[in-house]
Amino acid sequence: MQGIDQIAAKVRRGVRVNPDEALALYRDAPTWLLGQLADDIRARKHPDRITTYIIDRNVNYTNVCVARCNFCAFYRPVGSSDGYVLGFEEIFRKIDETISLGGGQLLLQGGHNPDLPLEWYEDLFRGVKARYPEFKLHALSPPEVLHITRMSRLTVAEVIDRLVAAGLDSIPGGGAEILVDRVRKILNCYNKASADEWLDVMRHAHRAGLRTTATMMYGHVETMEERLEHMMRLRELQDETGGFTAFITWSYQPEHTELGGFEATGVEYLRTLAIARTVLDNFDNLQASWVTQGGKVGQLSLAYGANDMGSVMIEENVVRAAGASFCMDEIEIVRNVENAGFLPMRRNMHYDILGGPVFREREVPRMLELAVARHEGDASRPPEIAKYAARSAAEKRLRRPELSE
């Protein structure tokens, strides 16, 4: 086995590392060296010192979910009094607020709700595009796509084609967790999507012309080797399709979850980000996960391989449910980027540069805390839900109270 110095020299020459070399770096290289190697790669890929970000909104359209992942504090079982489905008009209002802040996209993800058929998504997407033709829908992670295929009894390719026809623009990389089935079974997320199934949805999306992101949630039950196996599988698919725009990693948030445990440290986050930049040599962009790490570690990420500060977000529900509630509006993101010595620029999901900060072009209201899907105590039901056949016993009882008598 080569020593750390020899592997580091190989990385500096731009030569791809193999799994054993990556493990040696991850396990034994000092943190400063990992950061230096990652920053060198970032500088080669982005010599202009531009750090990008996107203004969009993370909307979780439902928290009702049958997957029951034990690391998730967000979901509610079918029939829960705390369960919700957002109405189309609610989502349209969220889009209006996003546009007012300079945004042009929704990151739309939610639970695996058995009472939302494929037609619900198609009608929503068409409704969005009818009202906001230029607005983008970055929507439905691979497990959500699989959930829809199982309910509709269609293939992944057929579901993606129908969603694209309705207005889907790109697919987020959620639900990847760790792409190793041993881990997925312990996390109780294997049934929602095995590692191969997650990758296959992304393969079909790329073949359909969609661009997607890739993610990794670490720091729960996986080993260091399994984190690297996850990255290697992403690297292989990117070699095949070239369809991933960016990689985002974050630490497991344990508060209020069934799994419990402890959150990984900020140093471990920086080491993981740096090794991802080293291993994922065919990914142009790495996002800093300030939403789980906070603004200052997010800023420090720019010295450990990240070239993107992710999203202003505007709204966030999933990570907040597990105890993290960091908020940075555009002014705060720009300040962090500039103080780190980089040039902040707005982008879209394809990483096309859109321009400089919006708040320097016009007055934008400050956003000092992230919005939520719904205010506490709001138990309203969307009127359009009645258009679709109920599948769950709980939903059938809501529509026909006499069934409960």
Protein backbone atom coordinates (compact mmCIF):
# COMPACT_ATOMS: atom_id res chain seq x y z
CA MET A 1 0.00 0.00 0.00
CA GLN A 2 1.26 3.45 -0.90
CA GLY A 3 1.94 5.96 1.82
CA ILE A 4 -0.13 9.11 2.32
CA ASP A 5 2.48 11.29 0.65
CA GLN A 6 2.49 9.13 -2.49
CA ILE A 7 -1.30 9.12 -2.69
CA ALA A 8 -1.41 12.88 -2.15
CA ALA A 9 1.10 13.36 -4.97
CA LYS A 10 -1.12 11.26 -7.22
CA VAL A 11 -4.13 13.44 -6.38
CA ARG A 12 -2.14 16.59 -7.13
CA ARG A 13 -1.33 15.19 -10.58
CA GLY A 14 -5.02 14.77 -11.23
CA VAL A 15 -4.93 10.96 -11.22
CA ARG A 16 -8.06 9.14 -10.00
CA VAL A 17 -7.77 7.40 -6.63
CA ASN A 18 -8.96 3.82 -6.13
CA PRO A 19 -11.00 2.67 -3.10
CA ASP A 20 -7.96 1.58 -1.07
CA GLU A 21 -6.18 4.87 -1.68
CA ALA A 22 -9.31 6.84 -0.81
CA LEU A 23 -9.70 4.90 2.43
CA ALA A 24 -6.09 5.52 3.40
CA LEU A 25 -6.52 9.26 2.86
CA TYR A 26 -9.85 9.39 4.67
CA ARG A 27 -8.62 7.38 7.62
CA ASP A 28 -5.04 8.60 8.06
CA ALA A 29 -4.36 11.89 6.27
CA PRO A 30 -4.26 14.96 8.53
CA THR A 31 -7.27 17.24 8.15
CA TRP A 32 -5.19 20.10 6.79
CA LEU A 33 -3.86 17.86 4.00
CA LEU A 34 -7.32 16.62 3.04
CA GLY A 35 -8.46 20.24 2.87
CA GLN A 36 -5.47 21.29 0.81
CA LEU A 37 -5.97 18.47 -1.71
CA ALA A 38 -9.69 19.23 -1.99
CA ASP A 39 -9.07 22.95 -2.38
CA ASP A 40 -6.49 22.28 -5.12
CA ILE A 41 -9.08 20.24 -7.04
CA ARG A 42 -11.72 22.93 -6.52
CA ALA A 43 -9.29 25.57 -7.83
CA ARG A 44 -8.54 23.50 -10.95
CA LYS A 45 -12.24 23.07 -11.70
CA HIS A 46 -13.22 26.63 -10.72
CA PRO A 47 -10.21 28.92 -11.20
CA ASP A 48 -12.41 32.04 -11.28
CA ARG A 49 -13.05 31.75 -7.50
CA ILE A 50 -16.79 32.04 -8.07
CA THR A 51 -18.94 30.50 -5.34
CA THR A 52 -22.49 29.93 -6.49
CA TYR A 53 -25.83 29.70 -4.69
CA ILE A 54 -29.46 29.36 -5.68
CA ILE A 55 -32.55 31.15 -4.44
CA ASP A 56 -35.28 28.55 -4.19
CA ARG A 57 -37.71 27.12 -1.67
CA ASN A 58 -37.72 23.66 -0.13
CA VAL A 59 -41.40 22.70 -0.02
CA ASN A 60 -42.44 19.43 1.62
CA TYR A 61 -45.89 18.86 0.14
CA THR A 62 -46.88 16.12 2.61
CA ASN A 63 -45.47 14.60 5.78
CA VAL A 64 -47.64 11.47 5.56
CA CYS A 65 -45.37 8.55 4.78
CA VAL A 66 -45.56 4.76 4.76
CA ALA A 67 -41.78 4.27 4.52
CA ARG A 68 -41.18 4.79 8.26
CA CYS A 69 -37.40 5.30 8.06
CA ASN A 70 -36.04 5.18 11.61
CA PHE A 71 -33.72 8.17 11.09
CA CYS A 72 -36.56 10.51 10.09
CA ALA A 73 -38.22 12.86 12.57
CA PHE A 74 -40.39 14.50 9.90
CA TYR A 75 -42.82 11.81 8.78
CA ARG A 76 -46.23 11.04 10.25
CA PRO A 77 -48.03 7.73 9.74
CA VAL A 78 -51.19 7.52 7.66
CA GLY A 79 -54.13 8.77 9.73
CA SER A 80 -52.05 10.89 12.13
CA SER A 81 -53.71 14.07 13.35
CA ASP A 82 -50.41 15.82 12.60
CA GLY A 83 -50.36 14.65 8.98
CA TYR A 84 -50.90 17.17 6.20
CA VAL A 85 -51.10 17.57 2.44
CA LEU A 86 -50.57 21.03 1.01
CA GLY A 87 -53.24 22.36 -1.30
CA PHE A 88 -52.38 23.62 -4.75
CA GLU A 89 -53.27 27.20 -3.76
CA GLU A 90 -50.96 26.93 -0.73
CA ILE A 91 -48.14 25.88 -3.02
CA PHE A 92 -48.93 28.69 -5.45
CA ARG A 93 -48.67 31.21 -2.57
CA LYS A 94 -45.28 29.76 -1.65
CA ILE A 95 -44.16 30.23 -5.26
CA ASP A 96 -45.30 33.86 -5.20
CA GLU A 97 -43.23 34.45 -2.05
CA THR A 98 -40.23 32.70 -3.63
CA ILE A 99 -40.43 34.88 -6.74
CA SER A 100 -40.64 38.01 -4.55
CA LEU A 101 -37.28 37.04 -3.03
CA GLY A 102 -35.66 36.52 -6.42
CA GLY A 103 -36.19 32.76 -6.64
CA GLY A 104 -37.15 30.74 -9.67
CA GLN A 105 -37.46 27.15 -8.46
CA LEU A 106 -39.16 24.85 -5.97
CA LEU A 107 -37.33 21.92 -4.43
CA LEU A 108 -40.44 19.78 -3.98
CA GLN A 109 -40.19 16.62 -1.89
CA GLY A 110 -42.47 14.81 0.54
CA GLY A 111 -43.53 11.62 2.21
CA HIS A 112 -44.74 8.46 0.50
CA ASN A 113 -48.42 9.24 0.83
CA PRO A 114 -50.63 6.40 -0.47
CA ASP A 115 -53.51 8.83 -1.15
CA LEU A 116 -51.55 10.93 -3.67
CA PRO A 117 -51.59 9.13 -7.04
CA LEU A 118 -49.53 9.96 -10.10
CA GLU A 119 -52.39 12.13 -11.38
CA TRP A 120 -52.10 14.40 -8.31
CA TYR A 121 -48.48 15.17 -9.18
CA GLU A 122 -49.33 15.67 -12.85
CA ASP A 123 -52.15 18.08 -12.02
CA LEU A 124 -49.95 20.01 -9.60
CA PHE A 125 -47.07 20.31 -12.05
CA ARG A 126 -49.38 21.40 -14.87
CA GLY A 127 -50.99 23.93 -12.55
CA VAL A 128 -47.60 25.39 -11.65
CA LYS A 129 -46.51 25.65 -15.26
CA ALA A 130 -49.82 27.21 -16.32
CA ARG A 131 -49.41 30.00 -13.77
CA TYR A 132 -45.62 30.32 -13.82
CA PRO A 133 -44.33 29.11 -17.22
CA GLU A 134 -40.66 29.90 -16.49
CA PHE A 135 -40.64 28.61 -12.92
CA LYS A 136 -38.66 25.39 -12.38
CA LEU A 137 -39.69 22.22 -10.57
CA HIS A 138 -36.76 20.35 -9.00
CA ALA A 139 -38.94 17.61 -7.62
CA LEU A 140 -39.41 14.06 -6.35
CA SER A 141 -36.40 12.11 -5.11
CA PRO A 142 -35.79 8.57 -6.46
CA PRO A 143 -37.71 6.85 -3.61
CA GLU A 144 -40.71 9.09 -4.32
CA VAL A 145 -40.55 8.14 -7.99
CA LEU A 146 -40.41 4.47 -7.00
CA HIS A 147 -43.38 4.92 -4.66
CA ILE A 148 -45.38 6.37 -7.56
CA THR A 149 -44.38 3.50 -9.86
CA ARG A 150 -45.59 0.95 -7.31
CA MET A 151 -48.93 2.68 -6.86
CA SER A 152 -49.48 3.26 -10.58
CA ARG A 153 -48.02 -0.09 -11.70
CA LEU A 154 -45.99 1.70 -14.34
CA THR A 155 -42.27 1.46 -15.02
CA VAL A 156 -39.77 4.05 -13.79
CA ALA A 157 -39.26 5.24 -17.36
CA GLU A 158 -43.01 5.65 -17.91
CA VAL A 159 -43.49 7.61 -14.69
CA ILE A 160 -40.56 9.91 -15.46
CA ASP A 161 -41.87 10.52 -18.98
CA ARG A 162 -45.30 11.45 -17.66
CA LEU A 163 -43.87 13.74 -14.99
CA VAL A 164 -41.63 15.47 -17.53
CA ALA A 165 -44.63 15.96 -19.82
CA ALA A 166 -46.44 17.57 -16.89
CA GLY A 167 -43.59 19.96 -16.10
CA LEU A 168 -40.83 18.22 -14.12
CA ASP A 169 -37.49 19.94 -14.79
CA SER A 170 -34.98 18.00 -12.65
CA ILE A 171 -34.74 15.47 -9.82
CA PRO A 172 -33.13 16.02 -6.39
CA GLY A 173 -30.82 13.44 -4.90
CA GLY A 174 -32.70 12.80 -1.67
CA GLY A 175 -33.26 9.34 -0.25
CA ALA A 176 -29.76 8.13 -1.07
CA GLU A 177 -28.68 8.01 2.60
CA ILE A 178 -25.86 5.44 2.15
CA LEU A 179 -26.02 3.39 -1.06
CA VAL A 180 -25.19 0.10 0.66
CA ASP A 181 -28.02 -2.32 1.32
CA ARG A 182 -26.67 -3.52 4.67
CA VAL A 183 -27.00 0.04 5.95
CA ARG A 184 -30.35 0.61 4.27
CA LYS A 185 -31.87 -2.41 5.97
CA ILE A 186 -30.76 -1.20 9.41
CA LEU A 187 -32.17 2.27 8.66
CA ASN A 188 -35.45 0.71 7.51
CA CYS A 189 -35.16 2.46 4.15
CA TYR A 190 -34.29 -0.59 2.02
CA ASN A 191 -37.94 -1.20 1.13
CA LYS A 192 -38.46 2.34 -0.11
CA ALA A 193 -35.43 1.98 -2.40
CA SER A 194 -32.49 -0.40 -2.49
CA ALA A 195 -29.13 1.01 -3.54
CA ASP A 196 -29.57 -0.39 -7.06
CA GLU A 197 -33.10 1.00 -7.32
CA TRP A 198 -32.01 4.50 -6.32
CA LEU A 199 -29.24 4.45 -8.89
CA ASP A 200 -31.55 3.04 -11.54
CA VAL A 201 -34.04 5.89 -11.13
CA MET A 202 -31.19 8.34 -11.64
CA ARG A 203 -29.98 6.38 -14.66
CA HIS A 204 -33.45 6.60 -16.23
CA ALA A 205 -33.70 10.30 -15.38
CA HIS A 206 -30.37 11.01 -17.06
CA ARG A 207 -31.39 9.00 -20.13
CA ALA A 208 -34.58 11.08 -20.29
CA GLY A 209 -32.45 14.22 -20.46
CA LEU A 210 -32.95 15.34 -16.85
CA ARG A 211 -30.11 16.58 -14.69
CA THR A 212 -30.07 15.51 -11.04
CA THR A 213 -28.13 15.97 -7.84
CA ALA A 214 -26.64 13.28 -5.59
CA THR A 215 -26.55 13.22 -1.80
CA MET A 216 -25.13 11.29 1.14
CA MET A 217 -26.31 11.28 4.75
CA TYR A 218 -23.55 9.89 6.97
CA GLY A 219 -22.89 9.45 10.67
CA HIS A 220 -25.47 6.85 11.74
CA VAL A 221 -24.74 3.11 11.35
CA GLU A 222 -22.41 3.02 8.36
CA THR A 223 -18.67 2.38 8.30
CA MET A 224 -16.05 4.56 6.68
CA GLU A 225 -15.67 1.94 3.96
CA GLU A 226 -19.41 2.11 3.24
CA ARG A 227 -19.30 5.88 2.87
CA LEU A 228 -16.61 5.41 0.24
CA GLU A 229 -18.57 2.62 -1.46
CA HIS A 230 -21.43 5.11 -1.75
CA MET A 231 -19.15 7.64 -3.43
CA MET A 232 -17.66 5.03 -5.75
CA ARG A 233 -21.11 3.96 -6.94
CA LEU A 234 -21.99 7.57 -7.69
CA ARG A 235 -18.70 8.00 -9.54
CA GLU A 236 -19.43 4.93 -11.67
CA LEU A 237 -22.88 6.19 -12.65
CA GLN A 238 -21.50 9.64 -13.42
CA ASP A 239 -18.90 8.00 -15.68
CA GLU A 240 -21.78 6.27 -17.46
CA THR A 241 -24.28 9.13 -17.82
CA GLY A 242 -22.72 12.44 -16.83
CA GLY A 243 -26.11 13.48 -15.49
CA PHE A 244 -25.27 14.64 -11.97
CA THR A 245 -24.77 18.38 -11.50
CA ALA A 246 -23.63 18.33 -7.87
CA PHE A 247 -22.95 16.30 -4.75
CA ILE A 248 -24.22 17.26 -1.30
CA THR A 249 -23.31 15.49 1.94
CA TRP A 250 -24.59 16.17 5.42
CA SER A 251 -24.44 14.60 8.85
CA TYR A 252 -27.33 12.59 10.30
CA GLN A 253 -29.48 14.71 12.63
CA PRO A 254 -30.51 12.43 15.53
CA GLU A 255 -32.87 14.56 17.63
CA HIS A 256 -36.49 13.29 17.85
CA THR A 257 -35.72 10.23 15.72
CA GLU A 258 -36.41 6.57 16.49
CA LEU A 259 -32.78 5.69 15.69
CA GLY A 260 -31.30 8.25 18.10
CA GLY A 261 -27.56 8.54 18.58
CA PHE A 262 -25.21 11.51 18.24
CA GLU A 263 -24.38 13.95 15.48
CA ALA A 264 -20.96 13.76 13.83
CA THR A 265 -18.57 16.64 14.52
CA GLY A 266 -17.85 19.59 12.28
CA VAL A 267 -14.33 18.28 11.68
CA GLU A 268 -15.74 14.97 10.45
CA TYR A 269 -18.02 16.89 8.11
CA LEU A 270 -15.08 18.80 6.64
CA ARG A 271 -13.05 15.59 6.22
CA THR A 272 -15.99 13.88 4.52
CA LEU A 273 -16.55 16.84 2.20
CA ALA A 274 -12.85 16.93 1.31
CA ILE A 275 -12.64 13.22 0.54
CA ALA A 276 -15.77 13.53 -1.60
CA ARG A 277 -14.07 16.22 -3.67
CA THR A 278 -11.08 13.90 -4.06
CA VAL A 279 -13.06 10.76 -4.95
CA LEU A 280 -15.77 12.35 -7.09
CA ASP A 281 -13.41 13.68 -9.71
CA ASN A 282 -16.17 13.66 -12.34
CA PHE A 283 -18.50 15.91 -10.32
CA ASP A 284 -18.00 19.59 -11.07
CA ASN A 285 -19.86 20.95 -8.07
CA LEU A 286 -19.93 20.26 -4.33
CA GLN A 287 -22.42 22.03 -2.09
CA ALA A 288 -21.74 23.19 1.46
CA SER A 289 -24.40 21.93 3.86
CA TRP A 290 -24.80 25.02 6.03
CA VAL A 291 -28.36 23.98 6.86
CA THR A 292 -27.02 21.15 9.06
CA GLN A 293 -23.59 22.58 9.93
CA GLY A 294 -24.35 26.27 10.43
CA GLY A 295 -23.08 29.28 8.54
CA LYS A 296 -19.51 29.29 9.83
CA VAL A 297 -18.76 25.65 9.04
CA GLY A 298 -20.56 26.27 5.75
CA GLN A 299 -18.13 29.12 5.12
CA LEU A 300 -15.16 26.94 6.08
CA SER A 301 -16.42 24.33 3.59
CA LEU A 302 -15.19 26.64 0.83
CA ALA A 303 -11.63 25.72 1.89
CA TYR A 304 -12.46 21.99 1.89
CA GLY A 305 -13.65 21.48 -1.67
CA ALA A 306 -17.07 23.14 -1.84
CA ASN A 307 -17.69 25.67 -4.61
CA ASP A 308 -21.40 26.18 -3.93
CA MET A 309 -23.36 27.39 -0.91
CA GLY A 310 -26.50 25.55 -1.92
CA SER A 311 -29.87 27.15 -1.46
CA VAL A 312 -31.21 30.14 0.43
CA MET A 313 -33.99 27.59 1.04
CA ILE A 314 -36.63 30.05 2.40
CA GLU A 315 -38.43 27.07 3.92
CA GLU A 316 -37.24 23.82 5.52
CA ASN A 317 -39.13 21.17 7.47
CA VAL A 318 -37.27 17.84 7.45
CA VAL A 319 -33.95 18.79 9.07
CA ARG A 320 -35.71 21.20 11.44
CA ALA A 321 -37.85 18.29 12.72
CA ALA A 322 -34.59 16.60 13.78
CA GLY A 323 -33.33 19.62 15.68
CA ALA A 324 -31.36 21.76 13.17
CA SER A 325 -32.79 25.20 12.40
CA PHE A 326 -30.00 27.25 10.83
CA CYS A 327 -31.13 30.07 8.54
CA MET A 328 -29.20 32.23 6.08
CA ASP A 329 -30.88 34.60 3.66
CA GLU A 330 -29.15 35.86 0.53
CA ILE A 331 -27.46 38.74 2.38
CA GLU A 332 -25.97 36.34 4.93
CA ILE A 333 -24.81 33.83 2.30
CA VAL A 334 -23.14 36.57 0.25
CA ARG A 335 -21.40 37.97 3.35
CA ASN A 336 -20.01 34.54 4.24
CA VAL A 337 -18.80 33.92 0.68
CA GLU A 338 -17.12 37.31 0.31
CA ASN A 339 -15.47 37.15 3.72
CA ALA A 340 -13.95 33.82 2.68
CA GLY A 341 -12.39 35.52 -0.36
CA PHE A 342 -14.76 34.28 -3.07
CA LEU A 343 -17.10 35.92 -5.57
CA PRO A 344 -20.79 35.10 -4.93
CA MET A 345 -23.00 34.51 -7.97
CA ARG A 346 -26.57 33.29 -8.35
CA ARG A 347 -27.18 30.15 -10.39
CA ASN A 348 -29.92 27.81 -11.51
CA MET A 349 -30.08 24.04 -11.01
CA HIS A 350 -27.93 23.49 -14.12
CA TYR A 351 -25.25 25.77 -12.63
CA ASP A 352 -25.75 28.43 -15.28
CA ILE A 353 -24.74 31.80 -13.80
CA LEU A 354 -27.75 34.12 -13.52
CA GLY A 355 -26.08 37.21 -12.09
CA GLY A 356 -25.01 38.87 -8.89
CA PRO A 357 -26.96 39.12 -5.64
CA VAL A 358 -30.58 40.20 -6.01
CA PHE A 359 -30.48 42.38 -2.89
CA ARG A 360 -27.88 44.60 -4.60
CA GLU A 361 -30.24 45.17 -7.52
CA ARG A 362 -33.44 45.88 -5.57
CA GLU A 363 -34.79 45.89 -2.07
CA VAL A 364 -35.53 42.40 -0.76
CA PRO A 365 -37.13 41.69 2.64
CA ARG A 366 -34.77 40.11 5.18
CA MET A 367 -35.44 36.47 6.06
CA LEU A 368 -34.33 35.85 9.63
CA GLU A 369 -35.93 32.43 10.08
CA LEU A 370 -36.94 29.66 7.73
CA ALA A 371 -40.62 29.34 6.87
CA VAL A 372 -42.52 26.14 7.60
CA ALA A 373 -44.85 24.03 5.50
CA ARG A 374 -47.80 24.96 7.68
CA HIS A 375 -48.31 26.90 10.86
CA GLU A 376 -48.95 24.83 13.97
CA GLY A 377 -52.61 24.03 14.45
CA ASP A 378 -53.53 24.32 10.77
CA ALA A 379 -55.39 21.07 10.07
CA SER A 380 -57.09 22.20 6.86
CA ARG A 381 -57.57 19.72 4.06
CA PRO A 382 -56.87 20.70 0.45
CA PRO A 383 -60.07 20.77 -1.61
CA GLU A 384 -58.57 19.00 -4.64
CA ILE A 385 -57.70 15.86 -2.66
CA ALA A 386 -61.28 14.65 -3.09
CA LYS A 387 -60.70 14.39 -6.84
CA TYR A 388 -58.50 11.34 -6.37
CA ALA A 389 -59.52 7.91 -5.15
CA ALA A 390 -58.66 7.22 -1.50
CA ARG A 391 -56.38 4.24 -0.98
CA SER A 392 -55.74 4.21 2.76
CA ALA A 393 -58.38 3.16 5.28
CA ALA A 394 -57.76 6.39 7.22
CA GLU A 395 -58.50 8.57 4.20
CA LYS A 396 -61.61 6.57 3.38
CA ARG A 397 -62.89 7.12 6.93
CA LEU A 398 -62.27 10.86 6.65
CA ARG A 399 -64.43 10.98 3.53
CA ARG A 400 -67.11 8.66 4.89
CA PRO A 401 -67.42 9.16 8.66
CA GLU A 402 -70.09 6.46 8.86
CA LEU A 403 -67.33 3.89 8.26
CA SER A 404 -65.97 4.75 11.71
CA GLU A 405 -69.29 4.14 13.46
